[in-house]
Amino acid sequence: MSAFADVGSIPPQQIWQGVVGRTVHGRGLSFVVLELDADAVVPEHAHENEQLGVLLEGAMRFTIGDETRDLRPGDTWRIAAHVPHSVVVGGEGAVAVEAFAPARDDWRALEALDARRGRWPAA
């Protein structure tokens, strides 16, 4: 297995309704490129993983614990383990990159979608 991959070669997976991720898994870390549909909602949830992210395109309203912020490209976030958080995506949709530690083993079993879906279609 190569140490390199084109984002379009990573099988997309539906993480939430309206949220598709292409994830690279390491032993202790998962890294994901997310495509979020316009007006998608990620309901409040929490998990054991620490989560870091950056918004590349679009807009999102992100709530982490008791703090809510409207995010634009270049904005970042940090979520400690077990802290509730939720997202409402803006009307243009969004693209974000996130890292999770420990790795998101629960995502390894998610079914792959059609590889032609989204911004980085398979070659």
PDB file of N, CA and C in Angstrom:
ATOM      1  N   MET A   1       0.846  -1.177   0.000  1.00  0.00           N
ATOM      2  CA  MET A   1       0.000   0.000   0.000  1.00  0.00           C
ATOM      3  C   MET A   1       0.891   1.239   0.000  1.00  0.00           C
ATOM      4  N   SER A   2       0.579   2.170  -0.870  1.00  0.00           N
ATOM      5  CA  SER A   2       1.361   3.400  -0.990  1.00  0.00           C
ATOM      6  C   SER A   2       1.098   4.342   0.181  1.00  0.00           C
ATOM      7  N   ALA A   3       2.079   5.143   0.491  1.00  0.00           N
ATOM      8  CA  ALA A   3       1.935   6.171   1.518  1.00  0.00           C
ATOM      9  C   ALA A   3       1.200   7.392   0.974  1.00  0.00           C
ATOM     10  N   PHE A   4       0.934   7.432  -0.345  1.00  0.00           N
ATOM     11  CA  PHE A   4       0.314   8.586  -0.992  1.00  0.00           C
ATOM     12  C   PHE A   4      -1.016   8.203  -1.630  1.00  0.00           C
ATOM     13  N   ALA A   5      -1.920   9.178  -1.718  1.00  0.00           N
ATOM     14  CA  ALA A   5      -3.198   8.965  -2.417  1.00  0.00           C
ATOM     15  C   ALA A   5      -3.743  10.306  -2.862  1.00  0.00           C
ATOM     16  N   ASP A   6      -4.407  10.314  -3.985  1.00  0.00           N
ATOM     17  CA  ASP A   6      -5.157  11.476  -4.448  1.00  0.00           C
ATOM     18  C   ASP A   6      -6.494  11.458  -3.710  1.00  0.00           C
ATOM     19  N   VAL A   7      -6.986  12.605  -3.296  1.00  0.00           N
ATOM     20  CA  VAL A   7      -8.257  12.642  -2.558  1.00  0.00           C
ATOM     21  C   VAL A   7      -9.358  11.920  -3.321  1.00  0.00           C
ATOM     22  N   GLY A   8      -9.378  12.072  -4.654  1.00  0.00           N
ATOM     23  CA  GLY A   8     -10.411  11.423  -5.462  1.00  0.00           C
ATOM     24  C   GLY A   8     -10.327   9.910  -5.460  1.00  0.00           C
ATOM     25  N   SER A   9      -9.186   9.353  -5.063  1.00  0.00           N
ATOM     26  CA  SER A   9      -9.055   7.894  -5.020  1.00  0.00           C
ATOM     27  C   SER A   9      -9.520   7.312  -3.685  1.00  0.00           C
ATOM     28  N   ILE A  10      -9.802   8.167  -2.705  1.00  0.00           N
ATOM     29  CA  ILE A  10     -10.274   7.707  -1.398  1.00  0.00           C
ATOM     30  C   ILE A  10     -11.785   7.539  -1.479  1.00  0.00           C
ATOM     31  N   PRO A  11     -12.310   6.364  -1.202  1.00  0.00           N
ATOM     32  CA  PRO A  11     -13.757   6.159  -1.330  1.00  0.00           C
ATOM     33  C   PRO A  11     -14.539   7.092  -0.412  1.00  0.00           C
ATOM     34  N   PRO A  12     -15.524   7.809  -0.962  1.00  0.00           N
ATOM     35  CA  PRO A  12     -16.347   8.679  -0.119  1.00  0.00           C
ATOM     36  C   PRO A  12     -17.299   7.851   0.736  1.00  0.00           C
ATOM     37  N   GLN A  13     -17.569   8.361   1.930  1.00  0.00           N
ATOM     38  CA  GLN A  13     -18.497   7.700   2.853  1.00  0.00           C
ATOM     39  C   GLN A  13     -19.457   8.743   3.400  1.00  0.00           C
ATOM     40  N   GLN A  14     -20.717   8.354   3.554  1.00  0.00           N
ATOM     41  CA  GLN A  14     -21.684   9.256   4.168  1.00  0.00           C
ATOM     42  C   GLN A  14     -21.502   9.198   5.676  1.00  0.00           C
ATOM     43  N   ILE A  15     -21.096  10.337   6.253  1.00  0.00           N
ATOM     44  CA  ILE A  15     -20.876  10.431   7.689  1.00  0.00           C
ATOM     45  C   ILE A  15     -22.186  10.799   8.381  1.00  0.00           C
ATOM     46  N   TRP A  16     -22.869  11.802   7.868  1.00  0.00           N
ATOM     47  CA  TRP A  16     -24.200  12.239   8.300  1.00  0.00           C
ATOM     48  C   TRP A  16     -24.997  12.505   7.040  1.00  0.00           C
ATOM     49  N   GLN A  17     -26.291  12.681   7.156  1.00  0.00           N
ATOM     50  CA  GLN A  17     -27.102  13.082   6.010  1.00  0.00           C
ATOM     51  C   GLN A  17     -26.567  14.417   5.496  1.00  0.00           C
ATOM     52  N   GLY A  18     -26.176  14.464   4.219  1.00  0.00           N
ATOM     53  CA  GLY A  18     -25.649  15.696   3.641  1.00  0.00           C
ATOM     54  C   GLY A  18     -24.183  15.960   3.937  1.00  0.00           C
ATOM     55  N   VAL A  19     -23.489  14.982   4.531  1.00  0.00           N
ATOM     56  CA  VAL A  19     -22.068  15.137   4.870  1.00  0.00           C
ATOM     57  C   VAL A  19     -21.311  13.907   4.382  1.00  0.00           C
ATOM     58  N   VAL A  20     -20.400  14.122   3.436  1.00  0.00           N
ATOM     59  CA  VAL A  20     -19.607  13.044   2.873  1.00  0.00           C
ATOM     60  C   VAL A  20     -18.146  13.277   3.228  1.00  0.00           C
ATOM     61  N   GLY A  21     -17.467  12.217   3.657  1.00  0.00           N
ATOM     62  CA  GLY A  21     -16.058  12.324   4.013  1.00  0.00           C
ATOM     63  C   GLY A  21     -15.191  11.351   3.255  1.00  0.00           C
ATOM     64  N   ARG A  22     -13.972  11.771   3.013  1.00  0.00           N
ATOM     65  CA  ARG A  22     -12.935  10.908   2.444  1.00  0.00           C
ATOM     66  C   ARG A  22     -11.836  10.858   3.501  1.00  0.00           C
ATOM     67  N   THR A  23     -11.699   9.703   4.130  1.00  0.00           N
ATOM     68  CA  THR A  23     -10.893   9.589   5.345  1.00  0.00           C
ATOM     69  C   THR A  23      -9.621   8.783   5.120  1.00  0.00           C
ATOM     70  N   VAL A  24      -8.533   9.291   5.684  1.00  0.00           N
ATOM     71  CA  VAL A  24      -7.267   8.576   5.741  1.00  0.00           C
ATOM     72  C   VAL A  24      -7.096   8.153   7.199  1.00  0.00           C
ATOM     73  N   HIS A  25      -6.938   6.861   7.426  1.00  0.00           N
ATOM     74  CA  HIS A  25      -6.803   6.338   8.785  1.00  0.00           C
ATOM     75  C   HIS A  25      -5.361   5.942   9.066  1.00  0.00           C
ATOM     76  N   GLY A  26      -4.854   6.416  10.177  1.00  0.00           N
ATOM     77  CA  GLY A  26      -3.580   5.938  10.707  1.00  0.00           C
ATOM     78  C   GLY A  26      -3.864   5.074  11.915  1.00  0.00           C
ATOM     79  N   ARG A  27      -2.836   4.665  12.605  1.00  0.00           N
ATOM     80  CA  ARG A  27      -3.046   3.835  13.797  1.00  0.00           C
ATOM     81  C   ARG A  27      -3.705   4.621  14.918  1.00  0.00           C
ATOM     82  N   GLY A  28      -3.306   5.870  15.115  1.00  0.00           N
ATOM     83  CA  GLY A  28      -3.850   6.644  16.226  1.00  0.00           C
ATOM     84  C   GLY A  28      -4.560   7.912  15.825  1.00  0.00           C
ATOM     85  N   LEU A  29      -4.741   8.132  14.513  1.00  0.00           N
ATOM     86  CA  LEU A  29      -5.289   9.391  14.010  1.00  0.00           C
ATOM     87  C   LEU A  29      -6.091   9.128  12.751  1.00  0.00           C
ATOM     88  N   SER A  30      -7.188   9.843  12.594  1.00  0.00           N
ATOM     89  CA  SER A  30      -7.932   9.848  11.333  1.00  0.00           C
ATOM     90  C   SER A  30      -7.973  11.280  10.821  1.00  0.00           C
ATOM     91  N   PHE A  31      -7.823  11.437   9.507  1.00  0.00           N
ATOM     92  CA  PHE A  31      -7.808  12.726   8.821  1.00  0.00           C
ATOM     93  C   PHE A  31      -8.880  12.639   7.745  1.00  0.00           C
ATOM     94  N   VAL A  32      -9.779  13.626   7.678  1.00  0.00           N
ATOM     95  CA  VAL A  32     -10.895  13.536   6.740  1.00  0.00           C
ATOM     96  C   VAL A  32     -11.104  14.859   6.008  1.00  0.00           C
ATOM     97  N   VAL A  33     -11.386  14.737   4.711  1.00  0.00           N
ATOM     98  CA  VAL A  33     -11.833  15.868   3.909  1.00  0.00           C
ATOM     99  C   VAL A  33     -13.343  15.725   3.802  1.00  0.00           C
ATOM    100  N   LEU A  34     -14.068  16.732   4.291  1.00  0.00           N
ATOM    101  CA  LEU A  34     -15.530  16.680   4.340  1.00  0.00           C
ATOM    102  C   LEU A  34     -16.152  17.614   3.321  1.00  0.00           C
ATOM    103  N   GLU A  35     -17.179  17.124   2.642  1.00  0.00           N
ATOM    104  CA  GLU A  35     -18.022  17.945   1.784  1.00  0.00           C
ATOM    105  C   GLU A  35     -19.392  17.993   2.440  1.00  0.00           C
ATOM    106  N   LEU A  36     -19.850  19.190   2.745  1.00  0.00           N
ATOM    107  CA  LEU A  36     -21.120  19.366   3.448  1.00  0.00           C
ATOM    108  C   LEU A  36     -22.101  20.070   2.521  1.00  0.00           C
ATOM    109  N   ASP A  37     -23.258  19.458   2.305  1.00  0.00           N
ATOM    110  CA  ASP A  37     -24.286  20.036   1.442  1.00  0.00           C
ATOM    111  C   ASP A  37     -24.847  21.321   2.045  1.00  0.00           C
ATOM    112  N   ALA A  38     -25.370  22.171   1.180  1.00  0.00           N
ATOM    113  CA  ALA A  38     -26.027  23.394   1.632  1.00  0.00           C
ATOM    114  C   ALA A  38     -27.104  23.060   2.651  1.00  0.00           C
ATOM    115  N   ASP A  39     -27.127  23.802   3.744  1.00  0.00           N
ATOM    116  CA  ASP A  39     -28.136  23.694   4.798  1.00  0.00           C
ATOM    117  C   ASP A  39     -28.139  22.348   5.534  1.00  0.00           C
ATOM    118  N   ALA A  40     -27.094  21.545   5.368  1.00  0.00           N
ATOM    119  CA  ALA A  40     -27.009  20.280   6.111  1.00  0.00           C
ATOM    120  C   ALA A  40     -26.899  20.569   7.606  1.00  0.00           C
ATOM    121  N   VAL A  41     -27.385  19.622   8.406  1.00  0.00           N
ATOM    122  CA  VAL A  41     -27.333  19.757   9.856  1.00  0.00           C
ATOM    123  C   VAL A  41     -26.650  18.515  10.433  1.00  0.00           C
ATOM    124  N   VAL A  42     -25.624  18.748  11.221  1.00  0.00           N
ATOM    125  CA  VAL A  42     -25.003  17.675  11.994  1.00  0.00           C
ATOM    126  C   VAL A  42     -25.555  17.827  13.404  1.00  0.00           C
ATOM    127  N   PRO A  43     -26.401  16.898  13.844  1.00  0.00           N
ATOM    128  CA  PRO A  43     -27.037  17.042  15.158  1.00  0.00           C
ATOM    129  C   PRO A  43     -26.019  16.971  16.295  1.00  0.00           C
ATOM    130  N   GLU A  44     -26.406  17.519  17.430  1.00  0.00           N
ATOM    131  CA  GLU A  44     -25.513  17.495  18.576  1.00  0.00           C
ATOM    132  C   GLU A  44     -25.113  16.062  18.917  1.00  0.00           C
ATOM    133  N   HIS A  45     -23.832  15.880  19.151  1.00  0.00           N
ATOM    134  CA  HIS A  45     -23.290  14.580  19.515  1.00  0.00           C
ATOM    135  C   HIS A  45     -21.951  14.797  20.212  1.00  0.00           C
ATOM    136  N   ALA A  46     -21.405  13.763  20.764  1.00  0.00           N
ATOM    137  CA  ALA A  46     -20.090  13.800  21.406  1.00  0.00           C
ATOM    138  C   ALA A  46     -19.437  12.441  21.193  1.00  0.00           C
ATOM    139  N   HIS A  47     -18.116  12.412  21.281  1.00  0.00           N
ATOM    140  CA  HIS A  47     -17.383  11.157  21.095  1.00  0.00           C
ATOM    141  C   HIS A  47     -16.075  11.217  21.860  1.00  0.00           C
ATOM    142  N   GLU A  48     -15.422  10.078  21.957  1.00  0.00           N
ATOM    143  CA  GLU A  48     -14.172   9.986  22.714  1.00  0.00           C
ATOM    144  C   GLU A  48     -13.007  10.669  22.015  1.00  0.00           C
ATOM    145  N   ASN A  49     -13.150  10.993  20.730  1.00  0.00           N
ATOM    146  CA  ASN A  49     -12.050  11.525  19.943  1.00  0.00           C
ATOM    147  C   ASN A  49     -11.886  13.024  20.135  1.00  0.00           C
ATOM    148  N   GLU A  50     -10.643  13.470  20.308  1.00  0.00           N
ATOM    149  CA  GLU A  50     -10.350  14.889  20.190  1.00  0.00           C
ATOM    150  C   GLU A  50     -10.473  15.233  18.713  1.00  0.00           C
ATOM    151  N   GLN A  51     -10.968  16.429  18.392  1.00  0.00           N
ATOM    152  CA  GLN A  51     -11.257  16.788  17.010  1.00  0.00           C
ATOM    153  C   GLN A  51     -10.719  18.184  16.733  1.00  0.00           C
ATOM    154  N   LEU A  52      -9.954  18.314  15.648  1.00  0.00           N
ATOM    155  CA  LEU A  52      -9.433  19.598  15.192  1.00  0.00           C
ATOM    156  C   LEU A  52      -9.872  19.797  13.759  1.00  0.00           C
ATOM    157  N   GLY A  53     -10.173  21.040  13.362  1.00  0.00           N
ATOM    158  CA  GLY A  53     -10.607  21.260  11.993  1.00  0.00           C
ATOM    159  C   GLY A  53     -10.331  22.657  11.485  1.00  0.00           C
ATOM    160  N   VAL A  54     -10.453  22.776  10.157  1.00  0.00           N
ATOM    161  CA  VAL A  54     -10.339  24.063   9.486  1.00  0.00           C
ATOM    162  C   VAL A  54     -11.360  24.089   8.349  1.00  0.00           C
ATOM    163  N   LEU A  55     -12.031  25.220   8.199  1.00  0.00           N
ATOM    164  CA  LEU A  55     -12.998  25.400   7.119  1.00  0.00           C
ATOM    165  C   LEU A  55     -12.265  25.937   5.897  1.00  0.00           C
ATOM    166  N   LEU A  56     -12.390  25.236   4.769  1.00  0.00           N
ATOM    167  CA  LEU A  56     -11.731  25.651   3.534  1.00  0.00           C
ATOM    168  C   LEU A  56     -12.632  26.480   2.638  1.00  0.00           C
ATOM    169  N   GLU A  57     -13.915  26.118   2.570  1.00  0.00           N
ATOM    170  CA  GLU A  57     -14.873  26.810   1.696  1.00  0.00           C
ATOM    171  C   GLU A  57     -16.225  26.860   2.374  1.00  0.00           C
ATOM    172  N   GLY A  58     -17.008  27.894   2.059  1.00  0.00           N
ATOM    173  CA  GLY A  58     -18.378  27.986   2.532  1.00  0.00           C
ATOM    174  C   GLY A  58     -18.482  28.604   3.911  1.00  0.00           C
ATOM    175  N   ALA A  59     -19.588  28.299   4.572  1.00  0.00           N
ATOM    176  CA  ALA A  59     -19.862  28.856   5.898  1.00  0.00           C
ATOM    177  C   ALA A  59     -20.588  27.815   6.735  1.00  0.00           C
ATOM    178  N   MET A  60     -20.344  27.871   8.051  1.00  0.00           N
ATOM    179  CA  MET A  60     -20.993  26.964   8.991  1.00  0.00           C
ATOM    180  C   MET A  60     -21.243  27.707  10.289  1.00  0.00           C
ATOM    181  N   ARG A  61     -22.326  27.362  10.958  1.00  0.00           N
ATOM    182  CA  ARG A  61     -22.549  27.790  12.337  1.00  0.00           C
ATOM    183  C   ARG A  61     -22.227  26.583  13.197  1.00  0.00           C
ATOM    184  N   PHE A  62     -21.200  26.707  14.028  1.00  0.00           N
ATOM    185  CA  PHE A  62     -20.675  25.591  14.803  1.00  0.00           C
ATOM    186  C   PHE A  62     -20.929  25.883  16.274  1.00  0.00           C
ATOM    187  N   THR A  63     -21.500  24.916  16.969  1.00  0.00           N
ATOM    188  CA  THR A  63     -21.679  25.022  18.414  1.00  0.00           C
ATOM    189  C   THR A  63     -20.819  23.951  19.065  1.00  0.00           C
ATOM    190  N   ILE A  64     -19.956  24.387  19.985  1.00  0.00           N
ATOM    191  CA  ILE A  64     -19.085  23.483  20.738  1.00  0.00           C
ATOM    192  C   ILE A  64     -19.315  23.795  22.207  1.00  0.00           C
ATOM    193  N   GLY A  65     -19.858  22.824  22.935  1.00  0.00           N
ATOM    194  CA  GLY A  65     -20.223  23.080  24.329  1.00  0.00           C
ATOM    195  C   GLY A  65     -21.265  24.183  24.370  1.00  0.00           C
ATOM    196  N   ASP A  66     -20.988  25.265  25.098  1.00  0.00           N
ATOM    197  CA  ASP A  66     -21.946  26.376  25.190  1.00  0.00           C
ATOM    198  C   ASP A  66     -21.522  27.582  24.351  1.00  0.00           C
ATOM    199  N   GLU A  67     -20.599  27.367  23.392  1.00  0.00           N
ATOM    200  CA  GLU A  67     -20.111  28.456  22.542  1.00  0.00           C
ATOM    201  C   GLU A  67     -20.530  28.217  21.091  1.00  0.00           C
ATOM    202  N   THR A  68     -21.125  29.239  20.458  1.00  0.00           N
ATOM    203  CA  THR A  68     -21.541  29.149  19.060  1.00  0.00           C
ATOM    204  C   THR A  68     -20.809  30.224  18.266  1.00  0.00           C
ATOM    205  N   ARG A  69     -20.352  29.836  17.077  1.00  0.00           N
ATOM    206  CA  ARG A  69     -19.598  30.757  16.238  1.00  0.00           C
ATOM    207  C   ARG A  69     -19.980  30.545  14.784  1.00  0.00           C
ATOM    208  N   ASP A  70     -20.103  31.634  14.016  1.00  0.00           N
ATOM    209  CA  ASP A  70     -20.280  31.558  12.566  1.00  0.00           C
ATOM    210  C   ASP A  70     -18.891  31.513  11.941  1.00  0.00           C
ATOM    211  N   LEU A  71     -18.606  30.447  11.193  1.00  0.00           N
ATOM    212  CA  LEU A  71     -17.282  30.228  10.645  1.00  0.00           C
ATOM    213  C   LEU A  71     -17.229  30.525   9.157  1.00  0.00           C
ATOM    214  N   ARG A  72     -16.105  31.057   8.731  1.00  0.00           N
ATOM    215  CA  ARG A  72     -15.797  31.355   7.329  1.00  0.00           C
ATOM    216  C   ARG A  72     -14.484  30.660   6.975  1.00  0.00           C
ATOM    217  N   PRO A  73     -14.128  30.596   5.688  1.00  0.00           N
ATOM    218  CA  PRO A  73     -12.878  29.943   5.307  1.00  0.00           C
ATOM    219  C   PRO A  73     -11.681  30.487   6.091  1.00  0.00           C
ATOM    220  N   GLY A  74     -10.865  29.550   6.565  1.00  0.00           N
ATOM    221  CA  GLY A  74      -9.696  29.881   7.364  1.00  0.00           C
ATOM    222  C   GLY A  74      -9.921  29.761   8.852  1.00  0.00           C
ATOM    223  N   ASP A  75     -11.175  29.685   9.289  1.00  0.00           N
ATOM    224  CA  ASP A  75     -11.464  29.534  10.713  1.00  0.00           C
ATOM    225  C   ASP A  75     -11.208  28.083  11.131  1.00  0.00           C
ATOM    226  N   THR A  76     -10.762  27.927  12.370  1.00  0.00           N
ATOM    227  CA  THR A  76     -10.431  26.609  12.902  1.00  0.00           C
ATOM    228  C   THR A  76     -11.259  26.310  14.146  1.00  0.00           C
ATOM    229  N   TRP A  77     -11.254  25.040  14.570  1.00  0.00           N
ATOM    230  CA  TRP A  77     -11.922  24.637  15.802  1.00  0.00           C
ATOM    231  C   TRP A  77     -11.149  23.512  16.469  1.00  0.00           C
ATOM    232  N   ARG A  78     -11.399  23.404  17.765  1.00  0.00           N
ATOM    233  CA  ARG A  78     -10.784  22.365  18.593  1.00  0.00           C
ATOM    234  C   ARG A  78     -11.859  21.873  19.542  1.00  0.00           C
ATOM    235  N   ILE A  79     -12.091  20.568  19.544  1.00  0.00           N
ATOM    236  CA  ILE A  79     -13.114  19.976  20.393  1.00  0.00           C
ATOM    237  C   ILE A  79     -12.450  18.906  21.245  1.00  0.00           C
ATOM    238  N   ALA A  80     -12.519  19.068  22.556  1.00  0.00           N
ATOM    239  CA  ALA A  80     -11.973  18.063  23.462  1.00  0.00           C
ATOM    240  C   ALA A  80     -12.880  16.826  23.457  1.00  0.00           C
ATOM    241  N   ALA A  81     -12.352  15.720  23.880  1.00  0.00           N
ATOM    242  CA  ALA A  81     -13.126  14.479  23.961  1.00  0.00           C
ATOM    243  C   ALA A  81     -14.365  14.682  24.818  1.00  0.00           C
ATOM    244  N   HIS A  82     -15.461  14.089  24.386  1.00  0.00           N
ATOM    245  CA  HIS A  82     -16.737  14.035  25.112  1.00  0.00           C
ATOM    246  C   HIS A  82     -17.464  15.371  25.212  1.00  0.00           C
ATOM    247  N   VAL A  83     -17.046  16.403  24.471  1.00  0.00           N
ATOM    248  CA  VAL A  83     -17.740  17.698  24.502  1.00  0.00           C
ATOM    249  C   VAL A  83     -18.815  17.695  23.417  1.00  0.00           C
ATOM    250  N   PRO A  84     -20.073  17.984  23.763  1.00  0.00           N
ATOM    251  CA  PRO A  84     -21.143  18.018  22.764  1.00  0.00           C
ATOM    252  C   PRO A  84     -20.882  19.118  21.731  1.00  0.00           C
ATOM    253  N   HIS A  85     -21.225  18.818  20.467  1.00  0.00           N
ATOM    254  CA  HIS A  85     -21.060  19.798  19.401  1.00  0.00           C
ATOM    255  C   HIS A  85     -22.045  19.509  18.276  1.00  0.00           C
ATOM    256  N   SER A  86     -22.337  20.552  17.491  1.00  0.00           N
ATOM    257  CA  SER A  86     -23.264  20.438  16.366  1.00  0.00           C
ATOM    258  C   SER A  86     -22.899  21.474  15.315  1.00  0.00           C
ATOM    259  N   VAL A  87     -23.425  21.284  14.089  1.00  0.00           N
ATOM    260  CA  VAL A  87     -23.118  22.172  12.966  1.00  0.00           C
ATOM    261  C   VAL A  87     -24.373  22.396  12.138  1.00  0.00           C
ATOM    262  N   VAL A  88     -24.545  23.630  11.670  1.00  0.00           N
ATOM    263  CA  VAL A  88     -25.532  23.956  10.642  1.00  0.00           C
ATOM    264  C   VAL A  88     -24.751  24.603   9.507  1.00  0.00           C
ATOM    265  N   VAL A  89     -24.825  24.016   8.315  1.00  0.00           N
ATOM    266  CA  VAL A  89     -24.065  24.481   7.164  1.00  0.00           C
ATOM    267  C   VAL A  89     -24.827  25.623   6.478  1.00  0.00           C
ATOM    268  N   GLY A  90     -24.086  26.572   5.928  1.00  0.00           N
ATOM    269  CA  GLY A  90     -24.681  27.697   5.211  1.00  0.00           C
ATOM    270  C   GLY A  90     -25.274  27.283   3.880  1.00  0.00           C
ATOM    271  N   GLY A  91     -25.913  28.226   3.220  1.00  0.00           N
ATOM    272  CA  GLY A  91     -26.641  27.973   1.978  1.00  0.00           C
ATOM    273  C   GLY A  91     -25.793  27.632   0.774  1.00  0.00           C
ATOM    274  N   GLU A  92     -24.467  27.785   0.871  1.00  0.00           N
ATOM    275  CA  GLU A  92     -23.581  27.445  -0.246  1.00  0.00           C
ATOM    276  C   GLU A  92     -22.911  26.092  -0.061  1.00  0.00           C
ATOM    277  N   GLY A  93     -23.142  25.454   1.071  1.00  0.00           N
ATOM    278  CA  GLY A  93     -22.413  24.237   1.386  1.00  0.00           C
ATOM    279  C   GLY A  93     -21.046  24.599   1.934  1.00  0.00           C
ATOM    280  N   ALA A  94     -20.223  23.590   2.191  1.00  0.00           N
ATOM    281  CA  ALA A  94     -18.914  23.850   2.775  1.00  0.00           C
ATOM    282  C   ALA A  94     -17.971  22.684   2.509  1.00  0.00           C
ATOM    283  N   VAL A  95     -16.682  22.984   2.607  1.00  0.00           N
ATOM    284  CA  VAL A  95     -15.631  21.972   2.565  1.00  0.00           C
ATOM    285  C   VAL A  95     -14.750  22.222   3.783  1.00  0.00           C
ATOM    286  N   ALA A  96     -14.482  21.164   4.534  1.00  0.00           N
ATOM    287  CA  ALA A  96     -13.665  21.276   5.741  1.00  0.00           C
ATOM    288  C   ALA A  96     -12.692  20.104   5.808  1.00  0.00           C
ATOM    289  N   VAL A  97     -11.639  20.285   6.580  1.00  0.00           N
ATOM    290  CA  VAL A  97     -10.685  19.220   6.864  1.00  0.00           C
ATOM    291  C   VAL A  97     -10.641  19.055   8.376  1.00  0.00           C
ATOM    292  N   GLU A  98     -10.711  17.801   8.842  1.00  0.00           N
ATOM    293  CA  GLU A  98     -10.669  17.539  10.279  1.00  0.00           C
ATOM    294  C   GLU A  98      -9.712  16.388  10.573  1.00  0.00           C
ATOM    295  N   ALA A  99      -9.182  16.411  11.782  1.00  0.00           N
ATOM    296  CA  ALA A  99      -8.350  15.322  12.287  1.00  0.00           C
ATOM    297  C   ALA A  99      -8.930  14.862  13.619  1.00  0.00           C
ATOM    298  N   PHE A 100      -8.878  13.554  13.855  1.00  0.00           N
ATOM    299  CA  PHE A 100      -9.433  12.952  15.070  1.00  0.00           C
ATOM    300  C   PHE A 100      -8.378  12.054  15.712  1.00  0.00           C
ATOM    301  N   ALA A 101      -8.240  12.173  17.016  1.00  0.00           N
ATOM    302  CA  ALA A 101      -7.361  11.271  17.769  1.00  0.00           C
ATOM    303  C   ALA A 101      -8.092  10.857  19.036  1.00  0.00           C
ATOM    304  N   PRO A 102      -8.176   9.579  19.344  1.00  0.00           N
ATOM    305  CA  PRO A 102      -7.653   8.485  18.539  1.00  0.00           C
ATOM    306  C   PRO A 102      -8.397   8.361  17.211  1.00  0.00           C
ATOM    307  N   ALA A 103      -7.937   7.455  16.366  1.00  0.00           N
ATOM    308  CA  ALA A 103      -8.540   7.245  15.049  1.00  0.00           C
ATOM    309  C   ALA A 103     -10.031   6.923  15.172  1.00  0.00           C
ATOM    310  N   ARG A 104     -10.803   7.308  14.146  1.00  0.00           N
ATOM    311  CA  ARG A 104     -12.244   7.041  14.109  1.00  0.00           C
ATOM    312  C   ARG A 104     -12.483   5.618  13.622  1.00  0.00           C
ATOM    313  N   ASP A 105     -12.250   4.662  14.478  1.00  0.00           N
ATOM    314  CA  ASP A 105     -12.457   3.262  14.107  1.00  0.00           C
ATOM    315  C   ASP A 105     -13.899   2.995  13.710  1.00  0.00           C
ATOM    316  N   ASP A 106     -14.849   3.759  14.256  1.00  0.00           N
ATOM    317  CA  ASP A 106     -16.252   3.577  13.892  1.00  0.00           C
ATOM    318  C   ASP A 106     -16.505   3.933  12.423  1.00  0.00           C
ATOM    319  N   TRP A 107     -15.683   4.781  11.843  1.00  0.00           N
ATOM    320  CA  TRP A 107     -15.855   5.156  10.439  1.00  0.00           C
ATOM    321  C   TRP A 107     -15.251   4.141   9.485  1.00  0.00           C
ATOM    322  N   ARG A 108     -14.340   3.314   9.947  1.00  0.00           N
ATOM    323  CA  ARG A 108     -13.708   2.333   9.057  1.00  0.00           C
ATOM    324  C   ARG A 108     -14.738   1.389   8.436  1.00  0.00           C
ATOM    325  N   ALA A 109     -15.822   1.138   9.150  1.00  0.00           N
ATOM    326  CA  ALA A 109     -16.830   0.181   8.693  1.00  0.00           C
ATOM    327  C   ALA A 109     -17.938   0.831   7.857  1.00  0.00           C
ATOM    328  N   LEU A 110     -17.919   2.156   7.692  1.00  0.00           N
ATOM    329  CA  LEU A 110     -18.967   2.810   6.907  1.00  0.00           C
ATOM    330  C   LEU A 110     -18.876   2.390   5.445  1.00  0.00           C
ATOM    331  N   GLU A 111     -20.031   2.188   4.848  1.00  0.00           N
ATOM    332  CA  GLU A 111     -20.095   1.774   3.452  1.00  0.00           C
ATOM    333  C   GLU A 111     -19.629   2.904   2.534  1.00  0.00           C
ATOM    334  N   ALA A 112     -18.896   2.545   1.498  1.00  0.00           N
ATOM    335  CA  ALA A 112     -18.440   3.524   0.514  1.00  0.00           C
ATOM    336  C   ALA A 112     -19.584   3.894  -0.429  1.00  0.00           C
ATOM    337  N   LEU A 113     -19.628   5.159  -0.811  1.00  0.00           N
ATOM    338  CA  LEU A 113     -20.601   5.655  -1.778  1.00  0.00           C
ATOM    339  C   LEU A 113     -20.017   5.558  -3.184  1.00  0.00           C
ATOM    340  N   ASP A 114     -20.808   5.926  -4.166  1.00  0.00           N
ATOM    341  CA  ASP A 114     -20.340   6.003  -5.544  1.00  0.00           C
ATOM    342  C   ASP A 114     -19.135   6.943  -5.593  1.00  0.00           C
ATOM    343  N   ALA A 115     -18.020   6.463  -6.101  1.00  0.00           N
ATOM    344  CA  ALA A 115     -16.774   7.237  -6.109  1.00  0.00           C
ATOM    345  C   ALA A 115     -16.859   8.490  -6.973  1.00  0.00           C
ATOM    346  N   ARG A 116     -17.890   8.604  -7.810  1.00  0.00           N
ATOM    347  CA  ARG A 116     -18.031   9.796  -8.650  1.00  0.00           C
ATOM    348  C   ARG A 116     -18.710  10.924  -7.924  1.00  0.00           C
ATOM    349  N   ARG A 117     -19.169  10.698  -6.701  1.00  0.00           N
ATOM    350  CA  ARG A 117     -19.893  11.702  -5.943  1.00  0.00           C
ATOM    351  C   ARG A 117     -18.939  12.799  -5.487  1.00  0.00           C
ATOM    352  N   GLY A 118     -19.401  14.021  -5.560  1.00  0.00           N
ATOM    353  CA  GLY A 118     -18.693  15.123  -4.934  1.00  0.00           C
ATOM    354  C   GLY A 118     -17.652  15.809  -5.770  1.00  0.00           C
ATOM    355  N   ARG A 119     -16.871  16.588  -5.095  1.00  0.00           N
ATOM    356  CA  ARG A 119     -15.908  17.510  -5.670  1.00  0.00           C
ATOM    357  C   ARG A 119     -14.695  16.824  -6.277  1.00  0.00           C
ATOM    358  N   TRP A 120     -14.299  15.681  -5.730  1.00  0.00           N
ATOM    359  CA  TRP A 120     -13.101  14.981  -6.199  1.00  0.00           C
ATOM    360  C   TRP A 120     -13.498  13.632  -6.776  1.00  0.00           C
ATOM    361  N   PRO A 121     -14.071  13.621  -7.969  1.00  0.00           N
ATOM    362  CA  PRO A 121     -14.465  12.326  -8.542  1.00  0.00           C
ATOM    363  C   PRO A 121     -13.240  11.479  -8.849  1.00  0.00           C
ATOM    364  N   ALA A 122     -13.429  10.167  -8.742  1.00  0.00           N
ATOM    365  CA  ALA A 122     -12.341   9.231  -9.044  1.00  0.00           C
ATOM    366  C   ALA A 122     -11.945   9.377 -10.509  1.00  0.00           C
ATOM    367  N   ALA A 123     -10.702   9.197 -10.788  1.00  0.00           N
ATOM    368  CA  ALA A 123     -10.189   9.329 -12.180  1.00  0.00           C
ATOM    369  C   ALA A 123     -10.676   8.195 -13.045  1.00  0.00           C
TER     370      ALA A 123
END
